[in-house]
Amino acid sequence: MNIQDIYKVALEKGREADFRSKEDIEKLLDRKRKKFEKLSEKEKKGFDQESLVNPYSDTRILHVADDKEIKKVLVGIDIEVGEILLAKELGDIDLVISHHPLGRALADLHEVMELQIDVLNQYGVPVNIGEGLMKERISEVARGLNPRNNWRTVDAARLLGVNLMCLHTVGDNNAATFIRNIVESKNPERLEDLMNILCEVEEYQKAIEQGAGPAIMVGSPDNRCGKIAITEMTGGTEGSPKLYERMAQAGIGTVIAMHQSDEHKKEAEASHVNVINVGHMSSDSIGMNLIVDELEKQGIEIVPCGGLIRVSRLSS
């Protein structure tokens, strides 16, 4: 496999695990293509044309130093300059894969957040409400990313001749679908039951050993779950805290989240919505593991770093 082959595998895995249908994804891409066609030639120069075929703005090939056959990959949840230096020091790393976005993929992270509107709608939140509240949050995230030094790690990869890509929402889609399938198959009644189910996942077991396992953020073990929603595991980053009131009105009793700010926690408490924080690094690891398992099938060696809790499911 070369770099483009790996990229295609990741994109396909991301699409397969997307909560939206293939038809809905194609509609979004078609809408973007039509908008692109209406741009002036000057505007087209600054447009990320990869977004016309890839629905995930935070998943990109960031630097190709040597388009060779890939045999060994360094994979991390967070890749920074230190990990690029590590790849160079190890000497036999053909590609570095970051989960969290870098470069243009980080600058455009906010664009993938519209996915949350569709996910919320599937759980009963009217699309107009989701859109109204998410647009405010998407704008906030875009403003926050604008002044950041998004290209630092990519620059290091370029200077040191290291191949680099990032796989963000494609990984998160896989984590979200994996957890949704487990939870829906078990149909837990109370939060303690849900916690027991989640703690059976190997990445969460290892996270517990690291002191970062799943935890009930809002609610108590005896609380009934009600309708369980996987609304905060994919779609860029946290949505609007104002959504909890609307989720409660839609009949959602419990939310499973990767991480949660104090503001989100307060809003969930006020709306009487239970929240379980399953953990950030461990949840990201689930999604990345499901993708890199596909690379292992092709004989590629995976070297975990940067927070990746490596669990292979090839034998299960």
C-alpha atoms as a PDB file:
ATOM      1  CA  MET A   1       0.000   0.000   0.000  1.00  0.00           C
ATOM      2  CA  ASN A   2       1.134   3.548  -0.668  1.00  0.00           C
ATOM      3  CA  ILE A   3      -0.006   6.710   1.116  1.00  0.00           C
ATOM      4  CA  GLN A   4      -2.991   7.269  -1.166  1.00  0.00           C
ATOM      5  CA  ASP A   5      -4.126   3.666  -0.658  1.00  0.00           C
ATOM      6  CA  ILE A   6      -4.086   4.134   3.115  1.00  0.00           C
ATOM      7  CA  TYR A   7      -5.962   7.410   2.806  1.00  0.00           C
ATOM      8  CA  LYS A   8      -8.662   5.735   0.695  1.00  0.00           C
ATOM      9  CA  VAL A   9      -9.061   2.903   3.222  1.00  0.00           C
ATOM     10  CA  ALA A  10      -9.491   5.429   6.047  1.00  0.00           C
ATOM     11  CA  LEU A  11     -12.060   7.449   4.107  1.00  0.00           C
ATOM     12  CA  GLU A  12     -14.056   4.352   3.237  1.00  0.00           C
ATOM     13  CA  LYS A  13     -14.035   3.188   6.860  1.00  0.00           C
ATOM     14  CA  GLY A  14     -15.176   6.669   7.909  1.00  0.00           C
ATOM     15  CA  ARG A  15     -18.054   6.674   5.422  1.00  0.00           C
ATOM     16  CA  GLU A  16     -19.147   3.154   6.401  1.00  0.00           C
ATOM     17  CA  ALA A  17     -19.346   4.186  10.065  1.00  0.00           C
ATOM     18  CA  ASP A  18     -20.968   7.587   9.447  1.00  0.00           C
ATOM     19  CA  PHE A  19     -24.363   7.962  11.166  1.00  0.00           C
ATOM     20  CA  ARG A  20     -25.617   9.566   7.959  1.00  0.00           C
ATOM     21  CA  SER A  21     -26.593   7.544   4.907  1.00  0.00           C
ATOM     22  CA  LYS A  22     -24.361   7.349   1.839  1.00  0.00           C
ATOM     23  CA  GLU A  23     -27.045   9.270  -0.046  1.00  0.00           C
ATOM     24  CA  ASP A  24     -26.987  12.100   2.494  1.00  0.00           C
ATOM     25  CA  ILE A  25     -23.205  12.323   2.293  1.00  0.00           C
ATOM     26  CA  GLU A  26     -23.318  12.494  -1.496  1.00  0.00           C
ATOM     27  CA  LYS A  27     -25.942  15.253  -1.319  1.00  0.00           C
ATOM     28  CA  LEU A  28     -23.620  17.318   0.882  1.00  0.00           C
ATOM     29  CA  LEU A  29     -20.697  16.803  -1.502  1.00  0.00           C
ATOM     30  CA  ASP A  30     -22.846  17.675  -4.495  1.00  0.00           C
ATOM     31  CA  ARG A  31     -23.991  20.855  -2.766  1.00  0.00           C
ATOM     32  CA  LYS A  32     -20.364  21.825  -2.128  1.00  0.00           C
ATOM     33  CA  ARG A  33     -19.416  21.133  -5.753  1.00  0.00           C
ATOM     34  CA  LYS A  34     -22.196  23.399  -6.997  1.00  0.00           C
ATOM     35  CA  LYS A  35     -21.039  26.177  -4.656  1.00  0.00           C
ATOM     36  CA  PHE A  36     -17.469  25.737  -5.893  1.00  0.00           C
ATOM     37  CA  GLU A  37     -18.537  26.059  -9.520  1.00  0.00           C
ATOM     38  CA  LYS A  38     -20.056  29.468  -8.765  1.00  0.00           C
ATOM     39  CA  LEU A  39     -16.828  30.865  -7.281  1.00  0.00           C
ATOM     40  CA  SER A  40     -14.584  33.237  -9.175  1.00  0.00           C
ATOM     41  CA  GLU A  41     -11.186  31.968 -10.338  1.00  0.00           C
ATOM     42  CA  LYS A  42      -9.544  33.986  -7.572  1.00  0.00           C
ATOM     43  CA  GLU A  43     -11.806  32.453  -4.915  1.00  0.00           C
ATOM     44  CA  LYS A  44     -11.170  28.938  -6.259  1.00  0.00           C
ATOM     45  CA  LYS A  45      -7.420  29.296  -5.638  1.00  0.00           C
ATOM     46  CA  GLY A  46      -7.923  29.389  -1.873  1.00  0.00           C
ATOM     47  CA  PHE A  47     -10.559  26.673  -1.854  1.00  0.00           C
ATOM     48  CA  ASP A  48      -9.696  23.254  -0.458  1.00  0.00           C
ATOM     49  CA  GLN A  49     -10.646  21.195  -3.508  1.00  0.00           C
ATOM     50  CA  GLU A  50     -10.142  17.927  -1.631  1.00  0.00           C
ATOM     51  CA  SER A  51     -13.385  18.805   0.177  1.00  0.00           C
ATOM     52  CA  LEU A  52     -15.255  18.214  -3.104  1.00  0.00           C
ATOM     53  CA  VAL A  53     -14.662  14.452  -2.809  1.00  0.00           C
ATOM     54  CA  ASN A  54     -13.879  14.008   0.901  1.00  0.00           C
ATOM     55  CA  PRO A  55     -16.700  14.964   3.302  1.00  0.00           C
ATOM     56  CA  TYR A  56     -14.339  15.173   6.284  1.00  0.00           C
ATOM     57  CA  SER A  57     -12.474  18.478   6.338  1.00  0.00           C
ATOM     58  CA  ASP A  58     -10.319  17.298   9.263  1.00  0.00           C
ATOM     59  CA  THR A  59      -8.946  14.210   7.488  1.00  0.00           C
ATOM     60  CA  ARG A  60      -6.116  14.915   5.062  1.00  0.00           C
ATOM     61  CA  ILE A  61      -2.772  13.846   3.638  1.00  0.00           C
ATOM     62  CA  LEU A  62      -0.623  16.632   5.045  1.00  0.00           C
ATOM     63  CA  HIS A  63       2.823  16.031   3.567  1.00  0.00           C
ATOM     64  CA  VAL A  64       4.281  13.528   1.126  1.00  0.00           C
ATOM     65  CA  ALA A  65       8.059  13.398   1.290  1.00  0.00           C
ATOM     66  CA  ASP A  66       8.443  10.026  -0.413  1.00  0.00           C
ATOM     67  CA  ASP A  67       5.507   8.276  -2.079  1.00  0.00           C
ATOM     68  CA  LYS A  68       6.792   4.768  -1.462  1.00  0.00           C
ATOM     69  CA  GLU A  69       5.371   1.453  -0.326  1.00  0.00           C
ATOM     70  CA  ILE A  70       4.376   1.800   3.316  1.00  0.00           C
ATOM     71  CA  LYS A  71       5.582  -0.972   5.590  1.00  0.00           C
ATOM     72  CA  LYS A  72       5.771   0.635   9.033  1.00  0.00           C
ATOM     73  CA  VAL A  73       3.575   3.415  10.438  1.00  0.00           C
ATOM     74  CA  LEU A  74       3.872   5.499  13.603  1.00  0.00           C
ATOM     75  CA  VAL A  75       0.325   6.221  14.814  1.00  0.00           C
ATOM     76  CA  GLY A  76      -0.667   8.600  17.600  1.00  0.00           C
ATOM     77  CA  ILE A  77      -3.707  10.424  18.891  1.00  0.00           C
ATOM     78  CA  ASP A  78      -1.592  13.568  19.123  1.00  0.00           C
ATOM     79  CA  ILE A  79       1.371  14.068  16.803  1.00  0.00           C
ATOM     80  CA  GLU A  80       3.545  17.085  17.437  1.00  0.00           C
ATOM     81  CA  VAL A  81       7.094  18.067  16.534  1.00  0.00           C
ATOM     82  CA  GLY A  82       8.446  15.617  19.124  1.00  0.00           C
ATOM     83  CA  GLU A  83       6.762  12.671  17.432  1.00  0.00           C
ATOM     84  CA  ILE A  84       8.069  13.776  14.036  1.00  0.00           C
ATOM     85  CA  LEU A  85      11.586  13.800  15.513  1.00  0.00           C
ATOM     86  CA  LEU A  86      10.874  10.379  17.034  1.00  0.00           C
ATOM     87  CA  ALA A  87       9.885   9.003  13.628  1.00  0.00           C
ATOM     88  CA  LYS A  88      13.120  10.331  12.163  1.00  0.00           C
ATOM     89  CA  GLU A  89      15.153   8.885  15.055  1.00  0.00           C
ATOM     90  CA  LEU A  90      13.587   5.435  14.707  1.00  0.00           C
ATOM     91  CA  GLY A  91      14.731   5.473  11.096  1.00  0.00           C
ATOM     92  CA  ASP A  92      12.415   2.882   9.577  1.00  0.00           C
ATOM     93  CA  ILE A  93       9.074   4.716   9.834  1.00  0.00           C
ATOM     94  CA  ASP A  94       7.469   5.165   6.411  1.00  0.00           C
ATOM     95  CA  LEU A  95       4.476   7.252   7.500  1.00  0.00           C
ATOM     96  CA  VAL A  96       3.228   9.117  10.570  1.00  0.00           C
ATOM     97  CA  ILE A  97      -0.528   9.190  11.214  1.00  0.00           C
ATOM     98  CA  SER A  98      -2.089  11.626  13.659  1.00  0.00           C
ATOM     99  CA  HIS A  99      -5.666  11.303  14.836  1.00  0.00           C
ATOM    100  CA  HIS A 100      -6.105  14.939  15.803  1.00  0.00           C
ATOM    101  CA  PRO A 101      -6.013  17.303  12.832  1.00  0.00           C
ATOM    102  CA  LEU A 102      -3.041  19.416  11.811  1.00  0.00           C
ATOM    103  CA  GLY A 103      -2.387  22.081   9.197  1.00  0.00           C
ATOM    104  CA  ARG A 104      -5.333  22.815   6.886  1.00  0.00           C
ATOM    105  CA  ALA A 105      -7.264  19.950   8.471  1.00  0.00           C
ATOM    106  CA  LEU A 106      -7.144  21.760  11.820  1.00  0.00           C
ATOM    107  CA  ALA A 107      -7.907  25.158  10.308  1.00  0.00           C
ATOM    108  CA  ASP A 108     -11.043  23.672   8.728  1.00  0.00           C
ATOM    109  CA  LEU A 109     -12.105  21.527  11.703  1.00  0.00           C
ATOM    110  CA  HIS A 110     -15.254  23.591  12.228  1.00  0.00           C
ATOM    111  CA  GLU A 111     -16.608  22.579   8.807  1.00  0.00           C
ATOM    112  CA  VAL A 112     -17.147  18.977   9.865  1.00  0.00           C
ATOM    113  CA  MET A 113     -19.252  20.026  12.867  1.00  0.00           C
ATOM    114  CA  GLU A 114     -22.408  20.117  10.758  1.00  0.00           C
ATOM    115  CA  LEU A 115     -22.386  16.339  11.128  1.00  0.00           C
ATOM    116  CA  GLN A 116     -23.656  16.895  14.676  1.00  0.00           C
ATOM    117  CA  ILE A 117     -26.835  18.530  13.372  1.00  0.00           C
ATOM    118  CA  ASP A 118     -27.748  15.353  11.493  1.00  0.00           C
ATOM    119  CA  VAL A 119     -26.849  13.105  14.430  1.00  0.00           C
ATOM    120  CA  LEU A 120     -28.986  15.179  16.796  1.00  0.00           C
ATOM    121  CA  ASN A 121     -31.845  15.084  14.323  1.00  0.00           C
ATOM    122  CA  GLN A 122     -31.682  11.283  14.301  1.00  0.00           C
ATOM    123  CA  TYR A 123     -32.201  11.373  18.064  1.00  0.00           C
ATOM    124  CA  GLY A 124     -35.234  13.664  17.762  1.00  0.00           C
ATOM    125  CA  VAL A 125     -33.854  17.197  17.939  1.00  0.00           C
ATOM    126  CA  PRO A 126     -35.527  19.239  15.147  1.00  0.00           C
ATOM    127  CA  VAL A 127     -33.037  20.071  12.439  1.00  0.00           C
ATOM    128  CA  ASN A 128     -33.828  23.807  12.590  1.00  0.00           C
ATOM    129  CA  ILE A 129     -33.042  23.866  16.322  1.00  0.00           C
ATOM    130  CA  GLY A 130     -29.833  21.899  15.856  1.00  0.00           C
ATOM    131  CA  GLU A 131     -28.773  24.160  13.009  1.00  0.00           C
ATOM    132  CA  GLY A 132     -29.527  27.353  14.897  1.00  0.00           C
ATOM    133  CA  LEU A 133     -27.568  26.354  17.987  1.00  0.00           C
ATOM    134  CA  MET A 134     -24.708  24.663  16.140  1.00  0.00           C
ATOM    135  CA  LYS A 135     -24.065  27.594  13.791  1.00  0.00           C
ATOM    136  CA  GLU A 136     -23.237  29.749  16.808  1.00  0.00           C
ATOM    137  CA  ARG A 137     -20.876  27.081  18.166  1.00  0.00           C
ATOM    138  CA  ILE A 138     -19.281  26.415  14.748  1.00  0.00           C
ATOM    139  CA  SER A 139     -18.514  30.109  14.396  1.00  0.00           C
ATOM    140  CA  GLU A 140     -16.962  30.133  17.870  1.00  0.00           C
ATOM    141  CA  VAL A 141     -14.705  27.185  17.028  1.00  0.00           C
ATOM    142  CA  ALA A 142     -13.655  28.754  13.698  1.00  0.00           C
ATOM    143  CA  ARG A 143     -12.676  31.990  15.457  1.00  0.00           C
ATOM    144  CA  GLY A 144     -10.691  30.054  18.032  1.00  0.00           C
ATOM    145  CA  LEU A 145      -8.728  28.116  15.413  1.00  0.00           C
ATOM    146  CA  ASN A 146      -7.894  31.112  13.229  1.00  0.00           C
ATOM    147  CA  PRO A 147      -5.002  32.567  15.304  1.00  0.00           C
ATOM    148  CA  ARG A 148      -3.402  29.202  16.129  1.00  0.00           C
ATOM    149  CA  ASN A 149      -0.096  27.971  14.724  1.00  0.00           C
ATOM    150  CA  ASN A 150      -1.794  25.129  12.855  1.00  0.00           C
ATOM    151  CA  TRP A 151       1.128  24.305  10.557  1.00  0.00           C
ATOM    152  CA  ARG A 152       3.944  23.843  13.071  1.00  0.00           C
ATOM    153  CA  THR A 153       3.998  20.027  13.014  1.00  0.00           C
ATOM    154  CA  VAL A 154       3.464  19.871   9.247  1.00  0.00           C
ATOM    155  CA  ASP A 155       6.428  22.211   8.776  1.00  0.00           C
ATOM    156  CA  ALA A 156       8.583  19.893  10.891  1.00  0.00           C
ATOM    157  CA  ALA A 157       7.526  16.917   8.753  1.00  0.00           C
ATOM    158  CA  ARG A 158       8.412  18.847   5.601  1.00  0.00           C
ATOM    159  CA  LEU A 159      11.846  19.868   6.881  1.00  0.00           C
ATOM    160  CA  LEU A 160      12.681  16.363   8.083  1.00  0.00           C
ATOM    161  CA  GLY A 161      11.241  14.540   5.079  1.00  0.00           C
ATOM    162  CA  VAL A 162       8.524  12.656   6.965  1.00  0.00           C
ATOM    163  CA  ASN A 163       5.257  11.497   5.376  1.00  0.00           C
ATOM    164  CA  LEU A 164       2.302  12.751   7.439  1.00  0.00           C
ATOM    165  CA  MET A 165      -1.489  12.451   7.438  1.00  0.00           C
ATOM    166  CA  CYS A 166      -4.311  12.939   9.949  1.00  0.00           C
ATOM    167  CA  LEU A 167      -7.504  10.899  10.364  1.00  0.00           C
ATOM    168  CA  HIS A 168      -9.937  12.683  12.651  1.00  0.00           C
ATOM    169  CA  THR A 169     -13.684  12.364  11.984  1.00  0.00           C
ATOM    170  CA  VAL A 170     -13.162   9.094  10.102  1.00  0.00           C
ATOM    171  CA  GLY A 171     -11.788   7.706  13.360  1.00  0.00           C
ATOM    172  CA  ASP A 172     -14.450   9.288  15.543  1.00  0.00           C
ATOM    173  CA  ASN A 173     -17.207   7.893  13.310  1.00  0.00           C
ATOM    174  CA  ASN A 174     -15.835   4.415  13.910  1.00  0.00           C
ATOM    175  CA  ALA A 175     -15.646   4.935  17.665  1.00  0.00           C
ATOM    176  CA  ALA A 176     -19.196   6.315  17.831  1.00  0.00           C
ATOM    177  CA  THR A 177     -20.687   3.477  15.779  1.00  0.00           C
ATOM    178  CA  PHE A 178     -18.743   0.867  17.750  1.00  0.00           C
ATOM    179  CA  ILE A 179     -20.105   2.196  21.061  1.00  0.00           C
ATOM    180  CA  ARG A 180     -23.625   2.664  19.693  1.00  0.00           C
ATOM    181  CA  ASN A 181     -23.744  -0.945  18.509  1.00  0.00           C
ATOM    182  CA  ILE A 182     -22.593  -2.277  21.874  1.00  0.00           C
ATOM    183  CA  VAL A 183     -25.009  -0.124  23.872  1.00  0.00           C
ATOM    184  CA  GLU A 184     -28.025  -0.834  21.665  1.00  0.00           C
ATOM    185  CA  SER A 185     -27.359  -4.582  21.748  1.00  0.00           C
ATOM    186  CA  LYS A 186     -27.277  -4.617  25.571  1.00  0.00           C
ATOM    187  CA  ASN A 187     -30.112  -2.123  26.210  1.00  0.00           C
ATOM    188  CA  PRO A 188     -29.022  -1.106  29.749  1.00  0.00           C
ATOM    189  CA  GLU A 189     -31.668   0.132  32.185  1.00  0.00           C
ATOM    190  CA  ARG A 190     -29.620   2.195  34.636  1.00  0.00           C
ATOM    191  CA  LEU A 191     -26.380   4.156  34.527  1.00  0.00           C
ATOM    192  CA  GLU A 192     -24.537   1.536  36.555  1.00  0.00           C
ATOM    193  CA  ASP A 193     -25.539  -1.055  33.935  1.00  0.00           C
ATOM    194  CA  LEU A 194     -24.334   1.221  31.154  1.00  0.00           C
ATOM    195  CA  MET A 195     -21.036   1.807  32.981  1.00  0.00           C
ATOM    196  CA  ASN A 196     -20.504  -1.943  33.365  1.00  0.00           C
ATOM    197  CA  ILE A 197     -21.059  -2.440  29.635  1.00  0.00           C
ATOM    198  CA  LEU A 198     -18.666   0.368  28.661  1.00  0.00           C
ATOM    199  CA  CYS A 199     -15.969  -0.824  31.035  1.00  0.00           C
ATOM    200  CA  GLU A 200     -15.878  -4.154  29.212  1.00  0.00           C
ATOM    201  CA  VAL A 201     -14.333  -2.387  26.197  1.00  0.00           C
ATOM    202  CA  GLU A 202     -10.612  -3.120  26.254  1.00  0.00           C
ATOM    203  CA  GLU A 203      -9.488   0.445  25.547  1.00  0.00           C
ATOM    204  CA  TYR A 204     -11.578   1.643  28.492  1.00  0.00           C
ATOM    205  CA  GLN A 205     -10.165  -1.114  30.695  1.00  0.00           C
ATOM    206  CA  LYS A 206      -6.653   0.105  29.910  1.00  0.00           C
ATOM    207  CA  ALA A 207      -7.734   3.721  30.436  1.00  0.00           C
ATOM    208  CA  ILE A 208      -8.975   2.777  33.910  1.00  0.00           C
ATOM    209  CA  GLU A 209      -5.472   1.478  34.690  1.00  0.00           C
ATOM    210  CA  GLN A 210      -4.120   4.826  33.495  1.00  0.00           C
ATOM    211  CA  GLY A 211      -6.514   6.762  35.726  1.00  0.00           C
ATOM    212  CA  ALA A 212      -8.670   8.028  32.854  1.00  0.00           C
ATOM    213  CA  GLY A 213     -11.526   5.541  32.573  1.00  0.00           C
ATOM    214  CA  PRO A 214     -15.243   6.150  31.972  1.00  0.00           C
ATOM    215  CA  ALA A 215     -17.008   8.231  34.617  1.00  0.00           C
ATOM    216  CA  ILE A 216     -20.523   9.428  35.360  1.00  0.00           C
ATOM    217  CA  MET A 217     -20.317  13.200  34.949  1.00  0.00           C
ATOM    218  CA  VAL A 218     -23.997  13.980  35.499  1.00  0.00           C
ATOM    219  CA  GLY A 219     -26.416  11.667  37.293  1.00  0.00           C
ATOM    220  CA  SER A 220     -25.948   8.767  39.711  1.00  0.00           C
ATOM    221  CA  PRO A 221     -25.492   5.007  39.209  1.00  0.00           C
ATOM    222  CA  ASP A 222     -29.129   4.354  40.157  1.00  0.00           C
ATOM    223  CA  ASN A 223     -30.501   6.772  37.553  1.00  0.00           C
ATOM    224  CA  ARG A 224     -32.458   5.232  34.700  1.00  0.00           C
ATOM    225  CA  CYS A 225     -30.809   5.719  31.329  1.00  0.00           C
ATOM    226  CA  GLY A 226     -33.905   6.489  29.286  1.00  0.00           C
ATOM    227  CA  LYS A 227     -33.033   7.034  25.632  1.00  0.00           C
ATOM    228  CA  ILE A 228     -29.260   6.869  25.229  1.00  0.00           C
ATOM    229  CA  ALA A 229     -27.703   9.180  22.632  1.00  0.00           C
ATOM    230  CA  ILE A 230     -24.199   9.006  21.162  1.00  0.00           C
ATOM    231  CA  THR A 231     -24.137  12.690  20.255  1.00  0.00           C
ATOM    232  CA  GLU A 232     -20.746  13.798  21.564  1.00  0.00           C
ATOM    233  CA  MET A 233     -18.273  11.336  20.106  1.00  0.00           C
ATOM    234  CA  THR A 234     -17.971  12.572  16.520  1.00  0.00           C
ATOM    235  CA  GLY A 235     -18.391  15.768  14.539  1.00  0.00           C
ATOM    236  CA  GLY A 236     -15.217  17.730  15.266  1.00  0.00           C
ATOM    237  CA  THR A 237     -15.494  18.879  18.851  1.00  0.00           C
ATOM    238  CA  GLU A 238     -18.083  19.676  21.522  1.00  0.00           C
ATOM    239  CA  GLY A 239     -21.335  21.152  20.288  1.00  0.00           C
ATOM    240  CA  SER A 240     -23.353  23.915  21.897  1.00  0.00           C
ATOM    241  CA  PRO A 241     -24.067  23.527  25.636  1.00  0.00           C
ATOM    242  CA  LYS A 242     -27.524  24.986  24.941  1.00  0.00           C
ATOM    243  CA  LEU A 243     -28.437  21.762  23.156  1.00  0.00           C
ATOM    244  CA  TYR A 244     -29.028  19.821  26.381  1.00  0.00           C
ATOM    245  CA  GLU A 245     -32.370  21.473  26.995  1.00  0.00           C
ATOM    246  CA  ARG A 246     -33.441  20.554  23.475  1.00  0.00           C
ATOM    247  CA  MET A 247     -32.136  17.014  23.861  1.00  0.00           C
ATOM    248  CA  ALA A 248     -34.192  16.609  27.015  1.00  0.00           C
ATOM    249  CA  GLN A 249     -37.271  17.850  25.156  1.00  0.00           C
ATOM    250  CA  ALA A 250     -36.535  15.252  22.449  1.00  0.00           C
ATOM    251  CA  GLY A 251     -36.701  12.512  25.097  1.00  0.00           C
ATOM    252  CA  ILE A 252     -32.973  11.881  25.495  1.00  0.00           C
ATOM    253  CA  GLY A 253     -32.170  10.701  29.000  1.00  0.00           C
ATOM    254  CA  THR A 254     -28.453   9.934  28.761  1.00  0.00           C
ATOM    255  CA  VAL A 255     -25.620  11.233  26.603  1.00  0.00           C
ATOM    256  CA  ILE A 256     -22.347   9.398  26.045  1.00  0.00           C
ATOM    257  CA  ALA A 257     -19.531  11.904  25.520  1.00  0.00           C
ATOM    258  CA  MET A 258     -15.781  11.766  24.886  1.00  0.00           C
ATOM    259  CA  HIS A 259     -15.126  14.838  27.024  1.00  0.00           C
ATOM    260  CA  GLN A 260     -17.186  17.573  28.607  1.00  0.00           C
ATOM    261  CA  SER A 261     -16.522  21.155  29.708  1.00  0.00           C
ATOM    262  CA  ASP A 262     -17.865  22.610  32.953  1.00  0.00           C
ATOM    263  CA  GLU A 263     -20.335  24.731  30.990  1.00  0.00           C
ATOM    264  CA  HIS A 264     -21.705  21.653  29.236  1.00  0.00           C
ATOM    265  CA  LYS A 265     -21.923  19.830  32.547  1.00  0.00           C
ATOM    266  CA  LYS A 266     -23.965  22.630  34.134  1.00  0.00           C
ATOM    267  CA  GLU A 267     -26.396  22.728  31.224  1.00  0.00           C
ATOM    268  CA  ALA A 268     -26.827  18.950  31.337  1.00  0.00           C
ATOM    269  CA  GLU A 269     -27.556  19.093  35.067  1.00  0.00           C
ATOM    270  CA  ALA A 270     -30.084  21.876  34.586  1.00  0.00           C
ATOM    271  CA  SER A 271     -31.849  19.817  31.906  1.00  0.00           C
ATOM    272  CA  HIS A 272     -31.704  16.572  33.950  1.00  0.00           C
ATOM    273  CA  VAL A 273     -29.765  14.766  31.230  1.00  0.00           C
ATOM    274  CA  ASN A 274     -27.366  12.086  32.474  1.00  0.00           C
ATOM    275  CA  VAL A 275     -23.870  12.218  31.000  1.00  0.00           C
ATOM    276  CA  ILE A 276     -21.196   9.554  30.934  1.00  0.00           C
ATOM    277  CA  ASN A 277     -17.747  10.723  29.911  1.00  0.00           C
ATOM    278  CA  VAL A 278     -16.112   7.635  28.441  1.00  0.00           C
ATOM    279  CA  GLY A 279     -12.725   9.308  28.045  1.00  0.00           C
ATOM    280  CA  HIS A 280     -10.975  11.188  25.274  1.00  0.00           C
ATOM    281  CA  MET A 281      -7.741   9.324  24.479  1.00  0.00           C
ATOM    282  CA  SER A 282      -9.372   5.922  24.962  1.00  0.00           C
ATOM    283  CA  SER A 283     -12.359   6.723  22.737  1.00  0.00           C
ATOM    284  CA  ASP A 284     -10.125   8.199  20.060  1.00  0.00           C
ATOM    285  CA  SER A 285      -8.063   5.016  20.316  1.00  0.00           C
ATOM    286  CA  ILE A 286     -11.104   2.835  19.587  1.00  0.00           C
ATOM    287  CA  GLY A 287     -11.742   4.616  16.305  1.00  0.00           C
ATOM    288  CA  MET A 288      -8.101   4.636  15.239  1.00  0.00           C
ATOM    289  CA  ASN A 289      -7.661   0.974  16.169  1.00  0.00           C
ATOM    290  CA  LEU A 290     -10.539  -0.024  13.934  1.00  0.00           C
ATOM    291  CA  ILE A 291      -8.886   1.791  11.030  1.00  0.00           C
ATOM    292  CA  VAL A 292      -5.299   0.644  11.560  1.00  0.00           C
ATOM    293  CA  ASP A 293      -6.525  -2.941  11.943  1.00  0.00           C
ATOM    294  CA  GLU A 294      -7.277  -2.666   8.213  1.00  0.00           C
ATOM    295  CA  LEU A 295      -3.661  -1.659   7.608  1.00  0.00           C
ATOM    296  CA  GLU A 296      -2.388  -4.573   9.679  1.00  0.00           C
ATOM    297  CA  LYS A 297      -4.415  -6.899   7.455  1.00  0.00           C
ATOM    298  CA  GLN A 298      -2.252  -5.668   4.577  1.00  0.00           C
ATOM    299  CA  GLY A 299       0.939  -6.501   6.445  1.00  0.00           C
ATOM    300  CA  ILE A 300       1.737  -2.988   7.659  1.00  0.00           C
ATOM    301  CA  GLU A 301       3.412  -2.776  11.067  1.00  0.00           C
ATOM    302  CA  ILE A 302       1.778  -0.341  13.516  1.00  0.00           C
ATOM    303  CA  VAL A 303       3.882   1.487  16.095  1.00  0.00           C
ATOM    304  CA  PRO A 304       1.610   3.224  18.662  1.00  0.00           C
ATOM    305  CA  CYS A 305       2.632   6.515  20.257  1.00  0.00           C
ATOM    306  CA  GLY A 306       1.201   9.868  21.319  1.00  0.00           C
ATOM    307  CA  GLY A 307      -1.643   8.558  23.490  1.00  0.00           C
ATOM    308  CA  LEU A 308      -2.845   5.702  21.251  1.00  0.00           C
ATOM    309  CA  ILE A 309      -4.007   2.744  23.349  1.00  0.00           C
ATOM    310  CA  ARG A 310      -3.391   0.019  20.787  1.00  0.00           C
ATOM    311  CA  VAL A 311      -5.877  -2.833  20.755  1.00  0.00           C
ATOM    312  CA  SER A 312      -6.031  -5.133  17.746  1.00  0.00           C
ATOM    313  CA  ARG A 313      -9.337  -6.897  16.986  1.00  0.00           C
ATOM    314  CA  LEU A 314      -8.038  -8.987  14.111  1.00  0.00           C
ATOM    315  CA  SER A 315      -8.199 -12.225  16.078  1.00  0.00           C
ATOM    316  CA  SER A 316     -11.593 -11.526  17.662  1.00  0.00           C
END
